[in-house]
PDB file of N, CA and C in Angstrom:
ATOM      1  N   PHE A   1       0.773  -1.251  -0.144  1.00  0.00           N
ATOM      2  CA  PHE A   1       0.101  -0.031   0.039  1.00  0.00           C
ATOM      3  C   PHE A   1       0.724   1.288  -0.016  1.00  0.00           C
ATOM      4  N   LEU A   2       1.917   1.355   0.933  1.00  0.00           N
ATOM      5  CA  LEU A   2       2.960   2.376   0.866  1.00  0.00           C
ATOM      6  C   LEU A   2       3.840   2.353  -0.110  1.00  0.00           C
ATOM      7  N   LEU A   3       3.985   1.337  -0.870  1.00  0.00           N
ATOM      8  CA  LEU A   3       5.284   1.299  -1.972  1.00  0.00           C
ATOM      9  C   LEU A   3       4.649   1.993  -3.114  1.00  0.00           C
ATOM     10  N   MET A   4       3.488   2.162  -3.497  1.00  0.00           N
ATOM     11  CA  MET A   4       3.216   3.105  -4.769  1.00  0.00           C
ATOM     12  C   MET A   4       3.395   4.504  -4.491  1.00  0.00           C
ATOM     13  N   PRO A   5       3.214   5.092  -3.423  1.00  0.00           N
ATOM     14  CA  PRO A   5       3.374   6.599  -3.346  1.00  0.00           C
ATOM     15  C   PRO A   5       4.911   6.704  -3.146  1.00  0.00           C
ATOM     16  N   VAL A   6       5.619   5.701  -2.695  1.00  0.00           N
ATOM     17  CA  VAL A   6       7.212   5.816  -2.403  1.00  0.00           C
ATOM     18  C   VAL A   6       7.752   5.653  -3.944  1.00  0.00           C
ATOM     19  N   LEU A   7       7.251   4.762  -4.665  1.00  0.00           N
ATOM     20  CA  LEU A   7       7.540   4.749  -6.128  1.00  0.00           C
ATOM     21  C   LEU A   7       7.450   6.063  -7.031  1.00  0.00           C
ATOM     22  N   LEU A   8       6.103   6.587  -6.662  1.00  0.00           N
ATOM     23  CA  LEU A   8       5.742   7.519  -7.660  1.00  0.00           C
ATOM     24  C   LEU A   8       6.804   8.935  -7.264  1.00  0.00           C
ATOM     25  N   VAL A   9       7.079   8.987  -5.805  1.00  0.00           N
ATOM     26  CA  VAL A   9       8.051  10.176  -5.489  1.00  0.00           C
ATOM     27  C   VAL A   9       9.519  10.014  -5.907  1.00  0.00           C
ATOM     28  N   SER A  10      10.025   8.512  -5.854  1.00  0.00           N
ATOM     29  CA  SER A  10      11.203   8.511  -6.334  1.00  0.00           C
ATOM     30  C   SER A  10      11.428   8.673  -7.926  1.00  0.00           C
ATOM     31  N   CYS A  11      10.267   8.368  -8.534  1.00  0.00           N
ATOM     32  CA  CYS A  11      10.104   8.493 -10.065  1.00  0.00           C
ATOM     33  C   CYS A  11      10.427  10.009 -10.197  1.00  0.00           C
ATOM     34  N   PHE A  12       9.555  10.828  -9.666  1.00  0.00           N
ATOM     35  CA  PHE A  12       9.453  12.302  -9.796  1.00  0.00           C
ATOM     36  C   PHE A  12      10.629  13.011  -9.489  1.00  0.00           C
ATOM     37  N   LEU A  13      11.548  12.468  -8.480  1.00  0.00           N
ATOM     38  CA  LEU A  13      12.601  13.017  -8.016  1.00  0.00           C
ATOM     39  C   LEU A  13      14.029  12.766  -9.015  1.00  0.00           C
ATOM     40  N   SER A  14      13.837  11.518  -9.427  1.00  0.00           N
ATOM     41  CA  SER A  14      14.841  11.044 -10.493  1.00  0.00           C
ATOM     42  C   SER A  14      14.531  11.798 -11.884  1.00  0.00           C
ATOM     43  N   GLN A  15      13.439  12.284 -12.351  1.00  0.00           N
ATOM     44  CA  GLN A  15      13.125  12.993 -13.288  1.00  0.00           C
ATOM     45  C   GLN A  15      13.609  14.474 -13.001  1.00  0.00           C
ATOM     46  N   GLY A  16      13.300  14.816 -12.062  1.00  0.00           N
ATOM     47  CA  GLY A  16      13.930  16.316 -11.741  1.00  0.00           C
ATOM     48  C   GLY A  16      15.412  16.239 -11.750  1.00  0.00           C
ATOM     49  N   ALA A  17      16.111  15.437 -11.264  1.00  0.00           N
ATOM     50  CA  ALA A  17      17.581  15.236 -11.261  1.00  0.00           C
ATOM     51  C   ALA A  17      18.008  15.359 -12.561  1.00  0.00           C
ATOM     52  N   ALA A  18      17.447  14.604 -13.451  1.00  0.00           N
ATOM     53  CA  ALA A  18      17.892  14.510 -14.721  1.00  0.00           C
ATOM     54  C   ALA A  18      17.745  15.868 -15.547  1.00  0.00           C
ATOM     55  N   MET A  19      16.532  16.410 -15.321  1.00  0.00           N
ATOM     56  CA  MET A  19      16.170  17.705 -15.938  1.00  0.00           C
ATOM     57  C   MET A  19      17.412  18.763 -15.399  1.00  0.00           C
ATOM     58  N   GLU A  20      17.684  18.618 -14.083  1.00  0.00           N
ATOM     59  CA  GLU A  20      18.671  19.468 -13.661  1.00  0.00           C
ATOM     60  C   GLU A  20      20.069  19.243 -13.974  1.00  0.00           C
ATOM     61  N   ASN A  21      20.359  17.915 -14.550  1.00  0.00           N
ATOM     62  CA  ASN A  21      21.713  17.770 -15.059  1.00  0.00           C
ATOM     63  C   ASN A  21      21.614  18.140 -16.318  1.00  0.00           C
ATOM     64  N   GLN A  22      20.640  18.191 -17.134  1.00  0.00           N
ATOM     65  CA  GLN A  22      20.426  18.746 -18.657  1.00  0.00           C
ATOM     66  C   GLN A  22      20.700  20.046 -18.505  1.00  0.00           C
ATOM     67  N   ARG A  23      20.025  20.840 -17.565  1.00  0.00           N
ATOM     68  CA  ARG A  23      20.135  22.318 -17.473  1.00  0.00           C
ATOM     69  C   ARG A  23      21.741  22.687 -17.322  1.00  0.00           C
ATOM     70  N   LEU A  24      22.240  22.046 -16.147  1.00  0.00           N
ATOM     71  CA  LEU A  24      23.581  22.328 -15.898  1.00  0.00           C
ATOM     72  C   LEU A  24      24.506  22.001 -17.178  1.00  0.00           C
ATOM     73  N   PHE A  25      24.287  20.894 -17.890  1.00  0.00           N
ATOM     74  CA  PHE A  25      25.157  20.412 -19.067  1.00  0.00           C
ATOM     75  C   PHE A  25      24.880  21.799 -20.038  1.00  0.00           C
ATOM     76  N   ASN A  26      23.737  22.074 -20.328  1.00  0.00           N
ATOM     77  CA  ASN A  26      23.315  23.077 -21.449  1.00  0.00           C
ATOM     78  C   ASN A  26      24.212  24.555 -20.980  1.00  0.00           C
ATOM     79  N   ILE A  27      24.132  24.771 -19.582  1.00  0.00           N
ATOM     80  CA  ILE A  27      24.877  26.000 -19.161  1.00  0.00           C
ATOM     81  C   ILE A  27      26.352  25.988 -19.539  1.00  0.00           C
ATOM     82  N   VAL A  28      26.935  24.692 -19.283  1.00  0.00           N
ATOM     83  CA  VAL A  28      28.501  24.398 -19.391  1.00  0.00           C
ATOM     84  C   VAL A  28      28.761  24.529 -20.872  1.00  0.00           C
ATOM     85  N   VAL A  29      27.971  23.987 -21.823  1.00  0.00           N
ATOM     86  CA  VAL A  29      28.329  24.043 -23.094  1.00  0.00           C
ATOM     87  C   VAL A  29      28.141  25.558 -23.605  1.00  0.00           C
ATOM     88  N   ASN A  30      27.275  26.187 -23.237  1.00  0.00           N
ATOM     89  CA  ASN A  30      27.273  27.564 -23.603  1.00  0.00           C
ATOM     90  C   ASN A  30      28.415  28.468 -23.075  1.00  0.00           C
ATOM     91  N   ARG A  31      28.894  28.236 -21.843  1.00  0.00           N
ATOM     92  CA  ARG A  31      30.037  28.884 -21.213  1.00  0.00           C
ATOM     93  C   ARG A  31      31.187  28.600 -22.115  1.00  0.00           C
ATOM     94  N   VAL A  32      31.294  27.141 -22.406  1.00  0.00           N
ATOM     95  CA  VAL A  32      32.709  26.838 -23.062  1.00  0.00           C
ATOM     96  C   VAL A  32      32.677  27.367 -24.474  1.00  0.00           C
ATOM     97  N   GLN A  33      31.508  27.608 -25.327  1.00  0.00           N
ATOM     98  CA  GLN A  33      31.555  28.185 -26.569  1.00  0.00           C
ATOM     99  C   GLN A  33      31.737  29.582 -26.488  1.00  0.00           C
ATOM    100  N   HIS A  34      31.350  30.232 -25.301  1.00  0.00           N
ATOM    101  CA  HIS A  34      31.692  31.738 -25.156  1.00  0.00           C
ATOM    102  C   HIS A  34      33.117  31.711 -24.976  1.00  0.00           C
ATOM    103  N   LEU A  35      33.725  30.913 -24.067  1.00  0.00           N
ATOM    104  CA  LEU A  35      35.070  31.088 -23.724  1.00  0.00           C
ATOM    105  C   LEU A  35      35.924  30.930 -25.046  1.00  0.00           C
ATOM    106  N   HIS A  36      35.596  29.905 -25.896  1.00  0.00           N
ATOM    107  CA  HIS A  36      36.344  29.702 -27.075  1.00  0.00           C
ATOM    108  C   HIS A  36      36.278  30.862 -27.922  1.00  0.00           C
ATOM    109  N   LEU A  37      35.151  31.477 -27.980  1.00  0.00           N
ATOM    110  CA  LEU A  37      35.018  32.554 -28.991  1.00  0.00           C
ATOM    111  C   LEU A  37      35.700  33.796 -28.462  1.00  0.00           C
ATOM    112  N   LEU A  38      35.672  33.924 -27.207  1.00  0.00           N
ATOM    113  CA  LEU A  38      36.497  35.194 -26.527  1.00  0.00           C
ATOM    114  C   LEU A  38      38.020  34.895 -26.637  1.00  0.00           C
ATOM    115  N   ALA A  39      38.465  33.414 -26.594  1.00  0.00           N
ATOM    116  CA  ALA A  39      39.915  33.390 -26.755  1.00  0.00           C
ATOM    117  C   ALA A  39      40.367  33.543 -28.277  1.00  0.00           C
ATOM    118  N   GLN A  40      39.443  33.130 -29.170  1.00  0.00           N
ATOM    119  CA  GLN A  40      39.704  33.294 -30.530  1.00  0.00           C
ATOM    120  C   GLN A  40      39.773  34.762 -30.844  1.00  0.00           C
ATOM    121  N   LYS A  41      38.961  35.626 -30.405  1.00  0.00           N
ATOM    122  CA  LYS A  41      39.047  37.015 -30.586  1.00  0.00           C
ATOM    123  C   LYS A  41      40.325  37.522 -30.033  1.00  0.00           C
ATOM    124  N   MET A  42      40.683  37.415 -28.674  1.00  0.00           N
ATOM    125  CA  MET A  42      41.666  37.686 -28.077  1.00  0.00           C
ATOM    126  C   MET A  42      43.017  37.298 -28.896  1.00  0.00           C
ATOM    127  N   PHE A  43      43.014  36.263 -29.561  1.00  0.00           N
ATOM    128  CA  PHE A  43      44.270  35.864 -30.314  1.00  0.00           C
ATOM    129  C   PHE A  43      44.267  36.552 -31.555  1.00  0.00           C
ATOM    130  N   ASN A  44      43.053  36.777 -32.053  1.00  0.00           N
ATOM    131  CA  ASN A  44      43.133  37.528 -33.539  1.00  0.00           C
ATOM    132  C   ASN A  44      43.445  39.041 -33.271  1.00  0.00           C
ATOM    133  N   ASP A  45      42.958  39.438 -32.159  1.00  0.00           N
ATOM    134  CA  ASP A  45      43.236  40.965 -31.782  1.00  0.00           C
ATOM    135  C   ASP A  45      44.863  40.966 -31.491  1.00  0.00           C
ATOM    136  N   PHE A  46      45.440  39.946 -30.870  1.00  0.00           N
ATOM    137  CA  PHE A  46      47.020  39.972 -30.688  1.00  0.00           C
ATOM    138  C   PHE A  46      47.680  39.833 -31.870  1.00  0.00           C
ATOM    139  N   GLU A  47      47.072  38.936 -32.954  1.00  0.00           N
ATOM    140  CA  GLU A  47      47.912  38.718 -34.020  1.00  0.00           C
ATOM    141  C   GLU A  47      47.662  39.911 -34.876  1.00  0.00           C
ATOM    142  N   GLY A  48      46.597  40.733 -34.926  1.00  0.00           N
ATOM    143  CA  GLY A  48      46.595  41.974 -35.533  1.00  0.00           C
ATOM    144  C   GLY A  48      47.476  43.089 -35.287  1.00  0.00           C
ATOM    145  N   THR A  49      48.026  42.995 -34.233  1.00  0.00           N
ATOM    146  CA  THR A  49      48.991  44.047 -33.522  1.00  0.00           C
ATOM    147  C   THR A  49      50.409  43.704 -34.045  1.00  0.00           C
ATOM    148  N   LEU A  50      50.597  42.425 -34.370  1.00  0.00           N
ATOM    149  CA  LEU A  50      52.057  42.261 -34.934  1.00  0.00           C
ATOM    150  C   LEU A  50      52.429  42.620 -36.316  1.00  0.00           C
ATOM    151  N   LEU A  51      53.615  43.049 -36.450  1.00  0.00           N
ATOM    152  CA  LEU A  51      54.080  43.324 -37.745  1.00  0.00           C
ATOM    153  C   LEU A  51      54.405  42.051 -38.646  1.00  0.00           C
ATOM    154  N   SER A  52      54.581  42.544 -39.930  1.00  0.00           N
ATOM    155  CA  SER A  52      54.412  41.182 -40.727  1.00  0.00           C
ATOM    156  C   SER A  52      55.809  40.317 -40.629  1.00  0.00           C
ATOM    157  N   ASP A  53      56.915  40.665 -40.144  1.00  0.00           N
ATOM    158  CA  ASP A  53      57.890  39.882 -39.772  1.00  0.00           C
ATOM    159  C   ASP A  53      57.636  39.221 -38.411  1.00  0.00           C
ATOM    160  N   GLU A  54      56.951  39.825 -37.504  1.00  0.00           N
ATOM    161  CA  GLU A  54      56.677  39.101 -36.107  1.00  0.00           C
ATOM    162  C   GLU A  54      55.632  38.016 -36.633  1.00  0.00           C
ATOM    163  N   ARG A  55      54.823  38.236 -37.522  1.00  0.00           N
ATOM    164  CA  ARG A  55      53.649  37.438 -38.028  1.00  0.00           C
ATOM    165  C   ARG A  55      54.363  36.031 -38.619  1.00  0.00           C
ATOM    166  N   ARG A  56      55.368  36.340 -39.404  1.00  0.00           N
ATOM    167  CA  ARG A  56      56.061  35.154 -40.009  1.00  0.00           C
ATOM    168  C   ARG A  56      56.702  34.283 -39.019  1.00  0.00           C
ATOM    169  N   GLN A  57      57.201  35.071 -37.953  1.00  0.00           N
ATOM    170  CA  GLN A  57      57.704  34.181 -36.845  1.00  0.00           C
ATOM    171  C   GLN A  57      56.753  33.441 -36.121  1.00  0.00           C
ATOM    172  N   LEU A  58      55.607  33.936 -35.895  1.00  0.00           N
ATOM    173  CA  LEU A  58      54.525  33.124 -35.274  1.00  0.00           C
ATOM    174  C   LEU A  58      53.920  32.027 -36.153  1.00  0.00           C
ATOM    175  N   ASN A  59      53.959  32.379 -37.410  1.00  0.00           N
ATOM    176  CA  ASN A  59      53.554  31.400 -38.153  1.00  0.00           C
ATOM    177  C   ASN A  59      54.483  30.101 -38.364  1.00  0.00           C
ATOM    178  N   LYS A  60      55.661  30.203 -38.060  1.00  0.00           N
ATOM    179  CA  LYS A  60      56.717  29.259 -37.994  1.00  0.00           C
ATOM    180  C   LYS A  60      56.536  28.377 -36.607  1.00  0.00           C
ATOM    181  N   ILE A  61      55.963  29.114 -35.444  1.00  0.00           N
ATOM    182  CA  ILE A  61      55.778  28.515 -34.216  1.00  0.00           C
ATOM    183  C   ILE A  61      54.406  27.694 -34.282  1.00  0.00           C
ATOM    184  N   PHE A  62      53.428  28.562 -34.611  1.00  0.00           N
ATOM    185  CA  PHE A  62      52.141  27.836 -34.628  1.00  0.00           C
ATOM    186  C   PHE A  62      51.528  27.683 -36.064  1.00  0.00           C
ATOM    187  N   LEU A  63      51.254  26.584 -36.576  1.00  0.00           N
ATOM    188  CA  LEU A  63      50.609  26.544 -38.084  1.00  0.00           C
ATOM    189  C   LEU A  63      49.299  27.041 -37.929  1.00  0.00           C
ATOM    190  N   LEU A  64      48.997  28.015 -38.738  1.00  0.00           N
ATOM    191  CA  LEU A  64      47.660  28.804 -38.615  1.00  0.00           C
ATOM    192  C   LEU A  64      46.379  27.840 -38.984  1.00  0.00           C
ATOM    193  N   ASP A  65      46.768  26.757 -39.780  1.00  0.00           N
ATOM    194  CA  ASP A  65      45.510  25.879 -40.183  1.00  0.00           C
ATOM    195  C   ASP A  65      45.455  24.759 -39.229  1.00  0.00           C
ATOM    196  N   PHE A  66      46.163  24.794 -38.058  1.00  0.00           N
ATOM    197  CA  PHE A  66      46.270  23.693 -37.091  1.00  0.00           C
ATOM    198  C   PHE A  66      45.816  24.111 -35.780  1.00  0.00           C
ATOM    199  N   CYS A  67      44.923  23.443 -35.310  1.00  0.00           N
ATOM    200  CA  CYS A  67      44.353  23.735 -33.832  1.00  0.00           C
ATOM    201  C   CYS A  67      44.782  22.681 -32.897  1.00  0.00           C
ATOM    202  N   ASN A  68      45.365  23.047 -31.856  1.00  0.00           N
ATOM    203  CA  ASN A  68      45.850  21.993 -30.729  1.00  0.00           C
ATOM    204  C   ASN A  68      44.879  21.042 -30.357  1.00  0.00           C
ATOM    205  N   SER A  69      43.615  21.383 -30.529  1.00  0.00           N
ATOM    206  CA  SER A  69      42.481  20.408 -29.943  1.00  0.00           C
ATOM    207  C   SER A  69      42.211  19.473 -31.371  1.00  0.00           C
ATOM    208  N   ASP A  70      42.717  19.637 -32.320  1.00  0.00           N
ATOM    209  CA  ASP A  70      42.127  18.754 -33.600  1.00  0.00           C
ATOM    210  C   ASP A  70      42.373  17.252 -33.284  1.00  0.00           C
ATOM    211  N   SER A  71      43.327  16.925 -32.348  1.00  0.00           N
ATOM    212  CA  SER A  71      43.434  15.555 -32.272  1.00  0.00           C
ATOM    213  C   SER A  71      42.667  14.912 -31.172  1.00  0.00           C
ATOM    214  N   ILE A  72      41.948  15.759 -30.549  1.00  0.00           N
ATOM    215  CA  ILE A  72      41.124  15.356 -29.566  1.00  0.00           C
ATOM    216  C   ILE A  72      39.536  14.739 -30.013  1.00  0.00           C
ATOM    217  N   VAL A  73      39.276  13.423 -29.782  1.00  0.00           N
ATOM    218  CA  VAL A  73      38.164  12.957 -30.189  1.00  0.00           C
ATOM    219  C   VAL A  73      36.962  13.650 -29.467  1.00  0.00           C
ATOM    220  N   SER A  74      35.908  14.027 -30.257  1.00  0.00           N
ATOM    221  CA  SER A  74      34.968  14.626 -29.521  1.00  0.00           C
ATOM    222  C   SER A  74      33.464  14.343 -30.245  1.00  0.00           C
ATOM    223  N   PRO A  75      32.379  14.423 -29.426  1.00  0.00           N
ATOM    224  CA  PRO A  75      31.165  13.949 -29.866  1.00  0.00           C
ATOM    225  C   PRO A  75      30.699  14.960 -31.011  1.00  0.00           C
ATOM    226  N   ILE A  76      29.913  14.585 -32.061  1.00  0.00           N
ATOM    227  CA  ILE A  76      29.612  15.473 -33.113  1.00  0.00           C
ATOM    228  C   ILE A  76      28.489  16.295 -32.818  1.00  0.00           C
ATOM    229  N   ASP A  77      27.280  15.717 -32.132  1.00  0.00           N
ATOM    230  CA  ASP A  77      26.264  16.473 -31.802  1.00  0.00           C
ATOM    231  C   ASP A  77      25.739  16.130 -30.439  1.00  0.00           C
ATOM    232  N   LYS A  78      24.589  16.724 -29.969  1.00  0.00           N
ATOM    233  CA  LYS A  78      24.131  16.783 -28.642  1.00  0.00           C
ATOM    234  C   LYS A  78      23.711  15.261 -28.076  1.00  0.00           C
ATOM    235  N   GLN A  79      23.192  14.570 -28.984  1.00  0.00           N
ATOM    236  CA  GLN A  79      22.834  12.977 -28.638  1.00  0.00           C
ATOM    237  C   GLN A  79      23.980  12.290 -28.395  1.00  0.00           C
ATOM    238  N   GLU A  80      25.210  12.315 -29.390  1.00  0.00           N
ATOM    239  CA  GLU A  80      26.080  11.795 -29.183  1.00  0.00           C
ATOM    240  C   GLU A  80      26.900  12.067 -27.951  1.00  0.00           C
ATOM    241  N   THR A  81      26.929  13.367 -27.669  1.00  0.00           N
ATOM    242  CA  THR A  81      27.554  13.824 -26.157  1.00  0.00           C
ATOM    243  C   THR A  81      27.038  13.176 -25.148  1.00  0.00           C
ATOM    244  N   GLN A  82      25.504  13.291 -25.113  1.00  0.00           N
ATOM    245  CA  GLN A  82      24.899  12.592 -23.883  1.00  0.00           C
ATOM    246  C   GLN A  82      25.031  11.224 -23.824  1.00  0.00           C
ATOM    247  N   LYS A  83      25.127  10.462 -24.957  1.00  0.00           N
ATOM    248  CA  LYS A  83      25.487   8.948 -25.002  1.00  0.00           C
ATOM    249  C   LYS A  83      26.975   8.788 -24.317  1.00  0.00           C
ATOM    250  N   SER A  84      27.828   9.563 -24.628  1.00  0.00           N
ATOM    251  CA  SER A  84      29.270   9.344 -24.180  1.00  0.00           C
ATOM    252  C   SER A  84      29.325   9.766 -22.792  1.00  0.00           C
ATOM    253  N   SER A  85      28.469  10.597 -22.414  1.00  0.00           N
ATOM    254  CA  SER A  85      28.641  10.973 -20.891  1.00  0.00           C
ATOM    255  C   SER A  85      28.002  10.268 -20.014  1.00  0.00           C
ATOM    256  N   VAL A  86      27.457   9.155 -20.333  1.00  0.00           N
ATOM    257  CA  VAL A  86      26.600   8.180 -19.505  1.00  0.00           C
ATOM    258  C   VAL A  86      27.509   7.052 -18.994  1.00  0.00           C
TER     259      VAL A  86
END
């Protein structure tokens, strides 16, 4: 007799926790995207202040078409991300 209300309450609590986790995940994704764009803008601003000789030296150090995170395997979309985080 008491088991049914307990099961219902636990079901609602687990759904609430899942919704909260999804909300937090979305916040983190948005902040990471913002930080990435900010870092990209800062680097572009820095690069814009360099003289052409300094820019050539920088190109020797960092290949412009290479991103340090290119070798990191990452999910393609939201569903794949959620599957890999479980």
